[in-house]
Amino acid sequence: MAGRMAGKVVIITGAGSVGPGWGNGRAATVLFAAEGAEVLAVDRSEQAVEATMAAVAERGGTARSYTCDVTDPDQVAAMVEACVAAFGTPSVLLNNVGGSRAGGAIDMPEEQWNEQLDFNLTSAFRTCKAVLPLMVEAGRGAIVNTASTSGIRWTGAAQVAYSAAKAGVIGFTRAVAVQHAPDGIRANTVVPGQLHTPMVEARLAGQRADGDVAALLAQRQKRIPLGFMGDGRDTAAAALFLASDEARFITGTELVVDGGMSARCD
């Protein structure tokens, strides 16, 4: 069904990627643009989003890059103003910023705990706070927030702040969904599992497998009943559905994208 985002103005945060391949934000930006959206592709790194913009251009989509650190309220406000100036009132907000730090309740410094909550949870609050008044005025809108299976179960590594933040994203999204349903606004969460995104090579292998990418991939794949790992394109497809008019009667819920991992009891 081509053109599912035709006529939509979409803000995607975390639209860059830490390396080559299909991260969640890059894949979503390319897919939403290919489906007809006008996309503001937001990332704190101008360089990280360059490859995303090139992929959009290859497929004939419409997107503009915008550099913004979503941990800064002033930058978030300016980002939303830039979207309105470029394309008009946003129809869809996809919050895709996130990243984990290893550590448990004993060994994680409180400073890192606070940083993780700000980066993974409060960032979504800030963008929603800036975008929601425009959606309320328009009488319509869709918000998709990206959580993680780490927010719903133990996934094999201690990362307590990340787990808490992503669980918070789910609760936050449900609350927004119910409060703003009368305003014509839907809010849902996409919950990716252990995907093979560029983050594996760039960060996770060093944190969890002494830099051995193959070993980490093997560990992660063993947890997945389907027997293979997805990538950012699978997250993007789920987010596209939740943002589209096909999901018009879906709000306040979660779509888990993990190959069955979180359904296992072992």
Protein backbone atom coordinates (compact mmCIF):
# COMPACT_ATOMS: atom_id res chain seq x y z
CA MET A 1 0.00 0.00 0.00
CA ALA A 2 2.21 2.82 -1.27
CA GLY A 3 1.59 6.38 -0.15
CA ARG A 4 0.49 5.60 3.40
CA MET A 5 2.10 8.83 4.62
CA ALA A 6 0.98 11.04 1.74
CA GLY A 7 0.10 14.50 3.01
CA LYS A 8 1.70 13.89 6.42
CA VAL A 9 4.34 16.05 8.07
CA VAL A 10 6.59 13.87 10.21
CA ILE A 11 9.27 14.69 12.78
CA ILE A 12 11.69 11.83 13.41
CA THR A 13 14.26 12.27 16.17
CA GLY A 14 17.40 10.14 16.21
CA ALA A 15 17.30 10.02 12.42
CA GLY A 16 21.02 9.46 12.03
CA SER A 17 23.02 6.35 12.78
CA VAL A 18 26.24 5.52 14.60
CA GLY A 19 27.53 3.59 11.59
CA PRO A 20 26.66 1.94 8.27
CA GLY A 21 23.50 -0.11 8.09
CA TRP A 22 19.89 0.17 9.18
CA GLY A 23 19.45 1.81 12.53
CA ASN A 24 15.90 2.46 13.69
CA GLY A 25 15.92 6.19 12.97
CA ARG A 26 17.57 5.96 9.58
CA ALA A 27 15.26 3.18 8.46
CA ALA A 28 12.18 5.06 9.65
CA THR A 29 13.20 8.27 7.90
CA VAL A 30 13.75 6.48 4.61
CA LEU A 31 10.52 4.47 4.86
CA PHE A 32 8.27 7.36 5.92
CA ALA A 33 9.66 9.55 3.14
CA ALA A 34 9.24 6.75 0.60
CA GLU A 35 5.59 6.46 1.71
CA GLY A 36 4.96 10.10 0.86
CA ALA A 37 5.67 12.00 4.09
CA GLU A 38 7.52 15.27 4.35
CA VAL A 39 10.07 14.41 7.02
CA LEU A 40 12.14 16.56 9.32
CA ALA A 41 15.06 14.24 10.06
CA VAL A 42 16.44 15.30 13.43
CA ASP A 43 19.74 14.26 14.97
CA ARG A 44 22.30 15.86 17.25
CA SER A 45 25.04 14.91 14.78
CA GLU A 46 24.92 16.55 11.37
CA GLN A 47 27.37 13.97 10.07
CA ALA A 48 25.32 11.02 11.34
CA VAL A 49 22.26 12.05 9.37
CA GLU A 50 24.08 12.62 6.05
CA ALA A 51 23.84 8.98 4.97
CA THR A 52 20.16 8.98 5.93
CA MET A 53 19.49 11.95 3.69
CA ALA A 54 21.38 10.31 0.84
CA ALA A 55 19.23 7.17 1.20
CA VAL A 56 16.05 9.29 1.15
CA ALA A 57 17.22 11.09 -1.99
CA GLU A 58 17.98 7.79 -3.74
CA ARG A 59 14.35 6.78 -3.28
CA GLY A 60 12.90 10.12 -4.31
CA GLY A 61 11.53 11.05 -0.89
CA THR A 62 11.21 14.46 0.73
CA ALA A 63 13.17 15.18 3.89
CA ARG A 64 15.20 17.93 5.48
CA SER A 65 17.86 17.37 8.10
CA TYR A 66 17.90 19.37 11.30
CA THR A 67 20.55 19.35 14.00
CA CYS A 68 19.09 19.27 17.51
CA ASP A 69 20.04 17.88 20.90
CA VAL A 70 16.74 16.69 22.39
CA THR A 71 18.16 17.01 25.91
CA ASP A 72 18.02 20.81 25.42
CA PRO A 73 14.50 22.29 25.72
CA ASP A 74 15.41 25.43 23.78
CA GLN A 75 16.77 23.39 20.88
CA VAL A 76 13.62 21.24 20.87
CA ALA A 77 11.39 24.32 20.69
CA ALA A 78 13.46 25.70 17.81
CA MET A 79 13.28 22.35 16.04
CA VAL A 80 9.48 22.32 16.12
CA GLU A 81 9.38 25.91 14.85
CA ALA A 82 11.67 24.88 12.00
CA CYS A 83 9.35 22.02 11.09
CA VAL A 84 6.33 24.32 10.95
CA ALA A 85 8.24 26.82 8.82
CA ALA A 86 9.43 24.15 6.39
CA PHE A 87 6.40 21.86 6.09
CA GLY A 88 3.56 23.00 8.37
CA THR A 89 2.05 21.50 11.51
CA PRO A 90 3.47 18.04 12.29
CA SER A 91 1.03 15.18 11.78
CA VAL A 92 3.33 12.57 13.27
CA LEU A 93 6.06 12.61 15.90
CA LEU A 94 8.37 9.61 16.08
CA ASN A 95 10.68 9.70 19.09
CA ASN A 96 13.58 7.41 18.34
CA VAL A 97 16.41 8.76 20.50
CA GLY A 98 17.94 6.24 22.87
CA GLY A 99 21.01 4.37 24.00
CA SER A 100 22.06 2.22 26.92
CA ARG A 101 24.82 2.25 29.49
CA ALA A 102 25.87 -0.88 31.30
CA GLY A 103 25.49 -0.99 35.04
CA GLY A 104 23.41 -2.27 37.91
CA ALA A 105 21.87 -0.58 40.94
CA ILE A 106 25.09 -0.96 42.95
CA ASP A 107 27.77 0.04 40.49
CA MET A 108 26.08 2.65 38.26
CA PRO A 109 26.98 6.21 39.32
CA GLU A 110 23.95 8.38 40.03
CA GLU A 111 25.13 10.86 37.40
CA GLN A 112 24.90 8.17 34.73
CA TRP A 113 21.45 7.14 36.00
CA ASN A 114 20.23 10.72 35.59
CA GLU A 115 21.81 11.04 32.16
CA GLN A 116 20.14 7.84 30.99
CA LEU A 117 16.69 8.93 32.15
CA ASP A 118 17.13 12.32 30.52
CA PHE A 119 18.35 10.87 27.23
CA ASN A 120 15.90 7.98 26.92
CA LEU A 121 12.75 9.22 28.68
CA THR A 122 12.73 12.95 29.34
CA SER A 123 13.72 13.60 25.73
CA ALA A 124 10.40 12.09 24.62
CA PHE A 125 8.56 14.24 27.18
CA ARG A 126 10.27 17.37 25.81
CA THR A 127 9.38 16.72 22.19
CA CYS A 128 5.80 15.78 23.06
CA LYS A 129 5.48 18.90 25.21
CA ALA A 130 6.54 21.00 22.23
CA VAL A 131 4.49 19.21 19.55
CA LEU A 132 1.27 18.34 21.39
CA PRO A 133 -0.16 21.90 21.51
CA LEU A 134 0.06 22.08 17.71
CA MET A 135 -1.63 18.69 17.34
CA VAL A 136 -4.35 19.68 19.80
CA GLU A 137 -5.01 22.86 17.82
CA ALA A 138 -5.14 20.86 14.57
CA GLY A 139 -7.44 18.25 16.13
CA ARG A 140 -5.37 15.33 14.98
CA GLY A 141 -1.98 13.68 15.27
CA ALA A 142 -0.08 10.47 15.94
CA ILE A 143 2.84 9.95 18.30
CA VAL A 144 5.03 6.87 18.21
CA ASN A 145 7.65 6.47 20.93
CA THR A 146 10.42 3.91 20.70
CA ALA A 147 10.98 1.84 23.84
CA SER A 148 12.86 -1.48 24.14
CA THR A 149 12.24 -5.00 25.33
CA SER A 150 14.64 -4.02 28.13
CA GLY A 151 11.71 -2.01 29.44
CA ILE A 152 9.51 -5.09 29.80
CA ARG A 153 11.91 -7.87 30.82
CA TRP A 154 15.52 -8.84 31.55
CA THR A 155 17.34 -9.14 28.23
CA GLY A 156 20.68 -10.55 29.32
CA ALA A 157 22.69 -7.58 30.61
CA ALA A 158 22.50 -5.21 33.56
CA GLN A 159 21.47 -1.77 32.32
CA VAL A 160 19.12 -0.63 35.05
CA ALA A 161 18.76 3.00 34.02
CA TYR A 162 18.02 2.14 30.41
CA SER A 163 15.50 -0.49 31.50
CA ALA A 164 13.80 1.95 33.84
CA ALA A 165 13.72 4.70 31.21
CA LYS A 166 12.25 2.48 28.52
CA ALA A 167 9.63 1.15 30.92
CA GLY A 168 8.88 4.79 31.62
CA VAL A 169 8.44 5.49 27.91
CA ILE A 170 5.68 2.87 27.81
CA GLY A 171 3.88 4.33 30.81
CA PHE A 172 4.30 7.89 29.57
CA THR A 173 2.89 6.99 26.18
CA ARG A 174 -0.17 5.29 27.64
CA ALA A 175 -0.92 8.37 29.74
CA VAL A 176 -0.57 10.71 26.76
CA ALA A 177 -2.79 8.43 24.69
CA VAL A 178 -5.68 8.48 27.15
CA GLN A 179 -5.45 12.17 28.00
CA HIS A 180 -5.34 13.31 24.38
CA ALA A 181 -7.67 10.80 22.73
CA PRO A 182 -10.51 13.39 22.86
CA ASP A 183 -8.22 15.73 20.92
CA GLY A 184 -7.97 13.29 18.03
CA ILE A 185 -4.42 12.31 18.92
CA ARG A 186 -3.17 8.74 19.14
CA ALA A 187 -0.01 7.65 20.99
CA ASN A 188 1.60 4.22 20.84
CA THR A 189 4.92 2.59 21.56
CA VAL A 190 7.04 0.38 19.33
CA VAL A 191 9.17 -2.02 21.40
CA PRO A 192 12.19 -3.36 19.48
CA GLY A 193 14.06 -6.39 20.72
CA GLN A 194 17.65 -7.43 20.09
CA LEU A 195 18.10 -6.25 16.53
CA HIS A 196 21.27 -6.11 14.48
CA THR A 197 21.62 -2.37 14.14
CA PRO A 198 24.87 -0.37 13.77
CA MET A 199 24.86 0.05 17.55
CA VAL A 200 26.05 -3.57 17.88
CA GLU A 201 29.37 -2.87 16.20
CA ALA A 202 29.75 0.69 17.42
CA ARG A 203 29.08 0.20 21.12
CA LEU A 204 27.50 -2.99 22.43
CA ALA A 205 30.20 -5.46 21.38
CA GLY A 206 32.76 -3.50 23.34
CA GLN A 207 30.51 -3.31 26.40
CA ARG A 208 29.44 -6.95 26.51
CA ALA A 209 31.73 -9.19 24.45
CA ASP A 210 35.22 -7.64 24.64
CA GLY A 211 34.75 -6.29 21.12
CA ASP A 212 33.84 -9.68 19.62
CA VAL A 213 30.93 -8.74 17.34
CA ALA A 214 30.34 -12.31 16.12
CA ALA A 215 30.15 -13.62 19.68
CA LEU A 216 27.65 -10.95 20.71
CA LEU A 217 25.49 -11.57 17.66
CA ALA A 218 25.46 -15.30 18.41
CA GLN A 219 24.44 -14.66 22.04
CA ARG A 220 21.61 -12.38 20.98
CA GLN A 221 20.34 -14.63 18.21
CA LYS A 222 20.08 -17.63 20.57
CA ARG A 223 17.38 -15.77 22.51
CA ILE A 224 15.15 -15.28 19.45
CA PRO A 225 12.61 -18.04 18.67
CA LEU A 226 12.39 -17.07 14.99
CA GLY A 227 16.08 -17.87 14.69
CA PHE A 228 17.26 -14.65 13.05
CA MET A 229 17.71 -11.04 14.02
CA GLY A 230 15.80 -8.21 12.45
CA ASP A 231 17.19 -4.72 11.98
CA GLY A 232 15.98 -1.14 11.99
CA ARG A 233 13.74 -1.73 8.99
CA ASP A 234 11.53 -3.97 11.12
CA THR A 235 11.17 -1.26 13.76
CA ALA A 236 10.44 1.28 11.01
CA ALA A 237 7.68 -0.87 9.51
CA ALA A 238 5.99 -1.19 12.90
CA ALA A 239 6.27 2.55 13.53
CA LEU A 240 4.85 3.30 10.08
CA PHE A 241 1.80 1.14 10.78
CA LEU A 242 1.17 2.78 14.16
CA ALA A 243 1.52 6.25 12.64
CA SER A 244 -0.68 5.50 9.63
CA ASP A 245 -4.43 5.82 9.26
CA GLU A 246 -4.58 2.02 9.16
CA ALA A 247 -4.07 2.18 12.94
CA ARG A 248 -6.85 4.72 13.44
CA PHE A 249 -8.45 2.66 16.27
CA ILE A 250 -5.17 1.81 18.00
CA THR A 251 -3.89 3.97 20.83
CA GLY A 252 -2.26 3.51 24.22
CA THR A 253 -0.68 0.20 23.33
CA GLU A 254 2.66 -1.40 22.42
CA LEU A 255 3.81 -3.27 19.33
CA VAL A 256 6.69 -5.61 20.21
CA VAL A 257 9.20 -6.29 17.43
CA ASP A 258 11.51 -8.98 18.79
CA GLY A 259 11.06 -12.27 16.91
CA GLY A 260 9.24 -13.77 19.89
CA MET A 261 12.04 -13.21 22.39
CA SER A 262 9.93 -11.59 25.11
CA ALA A 263 7.33 -14.36 24.86
CA ARG A 264 9.85 -16.97 26.00
CA CYS A 265 9.88 -18.04 29.65
CA ASP A 266 13.47 -19.37 29.73
